[in-house]
């Protein structure tokens, strides 16, 4: 790409509209974009309320005002909930569980 020199920039002709035409264009753009500004302001307000909504939802679940038992997705529970589910330590180790641990330690 060739370099751009100051002389090249000075040779560019720019058509400038009259001041009244520029102001009319600016007013038109302001009017047309005002609806966007309203939507943007409303969405920003909704975003600001999300932490408050989250706090309220947690409080409602904890106090029992909202029942979330049926809201879990179908399928197996997460791995951390499957470990030891329905089995206590005595059933897992059996009656001689601690002795087996000690024997393994002595054998090393």
C-alpha atoms as a PDB file:
ATOM      1  CA  UNK A   1       0.000   0.000   0.000  1.00  0.00           C
ATOM      2  CA  UNK A   2       1.526   3.325  -0.931  1.00  0.00           C
ATOM      3  CA  UNK A   3       2.110   5.856   1.819  1.00  0.00           C
ATOM      4  CA  UNK A   4      -0.345   8.722   2.257  1.00  0.00           C
ATOM      5  CA  UNK A   5       1.323  12.099   2.196  1.00  0.00           C
ATOM      6  CA  UNK A   6      -0.011  15.412   3.506  1.00  0.00           C
ATOM      7  CA  UNK A   7      -0.274  16.657  -0.072  1.00  0.00           C
ATOM      8  CA  UNK A   8      -2.566  13.716  -0.900  1.00  0.00           C
ATOM      9  CA  UNK A   9      -4.895  14.576   1.978  1.00  0.00           C
ATOM     10  CA  UNK A  10      -5.001  18.264   1.077  1.00  0.00           C
ATOM     11  CA  UNK A  11      -6.087  17.374  -2.462  1.00  0.00           C
ATOM     12  CA  UNK A  12      -9.210  15.509  -1.290  1.00  0.00           C
ATOM     13  CA  UNK A  13     -12.341  17.524  -1.938  1.00  0.00           C
ATOM     14  CA  UNK A  14     -15.103  17.368   0.634  1.00  0.00           C
ATOM     15  CA  UNK A  15     -18.581  18.642  -0.079  1.00  0.00           C
ATOM     16  CA  UNK A  16     -19.957  20.526   2.883  1.00  0.00           C
ATOM     17  CA  UNK A  17     -23.676  21.028   3.234  1.00  0.00           C
ATOM     18  CA  UNK A  18     -25.119  24.254   4.515  1.00  0.00           C
ATOM     19  CA  UNK A  19     -25.615  24.708   8.227  1.00  0.00           C
ATOM     20  CA  UNK A  20     -29.441  24.541   8.113  1.00  0.00           C
ATOM     21  CA  UNK A  21     -29.312  21.251   6.201  1.00  0.00           C
ATOM     22  CA  UNK A  22     -26.881  19.753   8.746  1.00  0.00           C
ATOM     23  CA  UNK A  23     -29.140  20.826  11.618  1.00  0.00           C
ATOM     24  CA  UNK A  24     -32.183  19.352   9.878  1.00  0.00           C
ATOM     25  CA  UNK A  25     -30.343  16.034   9.423  1.00  0.00           C
ATOM     26  CA  UNK A  26     -29.240  16.058  13.065  1.00  0.00           C
ATOM     27  CA  UNK A  27     -32.815  16.720  14.280  1.00  0.00           C
ATOM     28  CA  UNK A  28     -34.150  13.914  12.075  1.00  0.00           C
ATOM     29  CA  UNK A  29     -31.563  11.467  13.392  1.00  0.00           C
ATOM     30  CA  UNK A  30     -32.310  12.499  16.987  1.00  0.00           C
ATOM     31  CA  UNK A  31     -36.042  11.895  16.464  1.00  0.00           C
ATOM     32  CA  UNK A  32     -35.507   8.515  14.815  1.00  0.00           C
ATOM     33  CA  UNK A  33     -33.018   7.299  17.414  1.00  0.00           C
ATOM     34  CA  UNK A  34     -35.056   8.438  20.442  1.00  0.00           C
ATOM     35  CA  UNK A  35     -37.044   5.181  20.391  1.00  0.00           C
ATOM     36  CA  UNK A  36     -33.767   3.265  20.570  1.00  0.00           C
ATOM     37  CA  UNK A  37     -32.702   5.361  23.531  1.00  0.00           C
ATOM     38  CA  UNK A  38     -35.930   4.484  25.378  1.00  0.00           C
ATOM     39  CA  UNK A  39     -35.413   0.765  24.772  1.00  0.00           C
ATOM     40  CA  UNK A  40     -31.768   0.968  25.844  1.00  0.00           C
ATOM     41  CA  UNK A  41     -32.708   2.790  29.060  1.00  0.00           C
ATOM     42  CA  UNK A  42     -35.401   0.216  29.860  1.00  0.00           C
ATOM     43  CA  UNK A  43     -33.048  -2.729  29.288  1.00  0.00           C
ATOM     44  CA  UNK A  44     -30.360  -1.089  31.448  1.00  0.00           C
ATOM     45  CA  UNK A  45     -32.942  -0.705  34.221  1.00  0.00           C
ATOM     46  CA  UNK A  46     -33.922  -4.369  33.902  1.00  0.00           C
ATOM     47  CA  UNK A  47     -30.259  -5.414  34.041  1.00  0.00           C
ATOM     48  CA  UNK A  48     -29.818  -3.383  37.227  1.00  0.00           C
ATOM     49  CA  UNK A  49     -32.716  -5.310  38.812  1.00  0.00           C
ATOM     50  CA  UNK A  50     -31.256  -8.786  38.130  1.00  0.00           C
ATOM     51  CA  UNK A  51     -29.216  -9.007  41.388  1.00  0.00           C
ATOM     52  CA  UNK A  52     -32.296  -7.925  43.371  1.00  0.00           C
ATOM     53  CA  UNK A  53     -34.434 -10.523  41.571  1.00  0.00           C
ATOM     54  CA  UNK A  54     -31.835 -13.225  42.259  1.00  0.00           C
ATOM     55  CA  UNK A  55     -31.725 -12.383  45.963  1.00  0.00           C
ATOM     56  CA  UNK A  56     -35.513 -12.400  46.175  1.00  0.00           C
ATOM     57  CA  UNK A  57     -35.755 -15.737  44.333  1.00  0.00           C
ATOM     58  CA  UNK A  58     -33.236 -17.366  46.669  1.00  0.00           C
ATOM     59  CA  UNK A  59     -35.112 -16.032  49.697  1.00  0.00           C
ATOM     60  CA  UNK A  60     -38.414 -17.355  48.343  1.00  0.00           C
ATOM     61  CA  UNK A  61     -36.933 -20.806  47.703  1.00  0.00           C
ATOM     62  CA  UNK A  62     -35.318 -20.974  51.155  1.00  0.00           C
ATOM     63  CA  UNK A  63     -38.521 -19.932  52.931  1.00  0.00           C
ATOM     64  CA  UNK A  64     -40.594 -22.379  50.892  1.00  0.00           C
ATOM     65  CA  UNK A  65     -42.652 -19.799  49.015  1.00  0.00           C
ATOM     66  CA  UNK A  66     -41.426 -21.301  45.725  1.00  0.00           C
ATOM     67  CA  UNK A  67     -41.376 -25.065  45.178  1.00  0.00           C
ATOM     68  CA  UNK A  68     -38.353 -26.066  43.088  1.00  0.00           C
ATOM     69  CA  UNK A  69     -38.441 -29.827  43.597  1.00  0.00           C
ATOM     70  CA  UNK A  70     -39.918 -30.516  40.176  1.00  0.00           C
ATOM     71  CA  UNK A  71     -37.609 -28.115  38.340  1.00  0.00           C
ATOM     72  CA  UNK A  72     -34.489 -30.289  38.190  1.00  0.00           C
ATOM     73  CA  UNK A  73     -33.639 -31.617  34.733  1.00  0.00           C
ATOM     74  CA  UNK A  74     -34.271 -35.317  34.097  1.00  0.00           C
ATOM     75  CA  UNK A  75     -31.364 -37.714  34.138  1.00  0.00           C
ATOM     76  CA  UNK A  76     -28.888 -39.028  36.666  1.00  0.00           C
ATOM     77  CA  UNK A  77     -27.968 -36.794  39.575  1.00  0.00           C
ATOM     78  CA  UNK A  78     -24.540 -35.130  39.532  1.00  0.00           C
ATOM     79  CA  UNK A  79     -21.586 -37.353  40.509  1.00  0.00           C
ATOM     80  CA  UNK A  80     -21.122 -35.705  43.918  1.00  0.00           C
ATOM     81  CA  UNK A  81     -24.710 -36.657  44.862  1.00  0.00           C
ATOM     82  CA  UNK A  82     -24.278 -40.272  43.708  1.00  0.00           C
ATOM     83  CA  UNK A  83     -21.362 -41.021  46.014  1.00  0.00           C
ATOM     84  CA  UNK A  84     -22.588 -42.870  49.072  1.00  0.00           C
ATOM     85  CA  UNK A  85     -26.227 -42.230  48.248  1.00  0.00           C
ATOM     86  CA  UNK A  86     -28.363 -44.517  50.414  1.00  0.00           C
ATOM     87  CA  UNK A  87     -25.344 -46.385  51.834  1.00  0.00           C
ATOM     88  CA  UNK A  88     -23.852 -45.545  55.179  1.00  0.00           C
ATOM     89  CA  UNK A  89     -20.211 -46.108  56.149  1.00  0.00           C
ATOM     90  CA  UNK A  90     -20.913 -49.379  57.996  1.00  0.00           C
ATOM     91  CA  UNK A  91     -22.531 -50.937  54.911  1.00  0.00           C
ATOM     92  CA  UNK A  92     -19.668 -49.826  52.669  1.00  0.00           C
ATOM     93  CA  UNK A  93     -16.880 -51.081  54.959  1.00  0.00           C
ATOM     94  CA  UNK A  94     -18.652 -54.044  56.473  1.00  0.00           C
ATOM     95  CA  UNK A  95     -17.980 -55.201  60.024  1.00  0.00           C
ATOM     96  CA  UNK A  96     -14.262 -55.741  59.499  1.00  0.00           C
ATOM     97  CA  UNK A  97     -13.614 -52.600  57.449  1.00  0.00           C
ATOM     98  CA  UNK A  98     -11.202 -50.887  59.852  1.00  0.00           C
ATOM     99  CA  UNK A  99      -9.138 -54.077  60.293  1.00  0.00           C
ATOM    100  CA  UNK A 100      -8.710 -54.348  56.527  1.00  0.00           C
ATOM    101  CA  UNK A 101      -7.336 -50.842  56.426  1.00  0.00           C
ATOM    102  CA  UNK A 102      -4.906 -51.605  59.253  1.00  0.00           C
ATOM    103  CA  UNK A 103      -3.749 -54.866  57.610  1.00  0.00           C
ATOM    104  CA  UNK A 104      -3.018 -53.077  54.368  1.00  0.00           C
ATOM    105  CA  UNK A 105      -0.960 -50.511  56.253  1.00  0.00           C
ATOM    106  CA  UNK A 106       1.031 -53.249  58.065  1.00  0.00           C
ATOM    107  CA  UNK A 107       1.772 -55.145  54.844  1.00  0.00           C
ATOM    108  CA  UNK A 108       3.724 -52.238  53.284  1.00  0.00           C
END
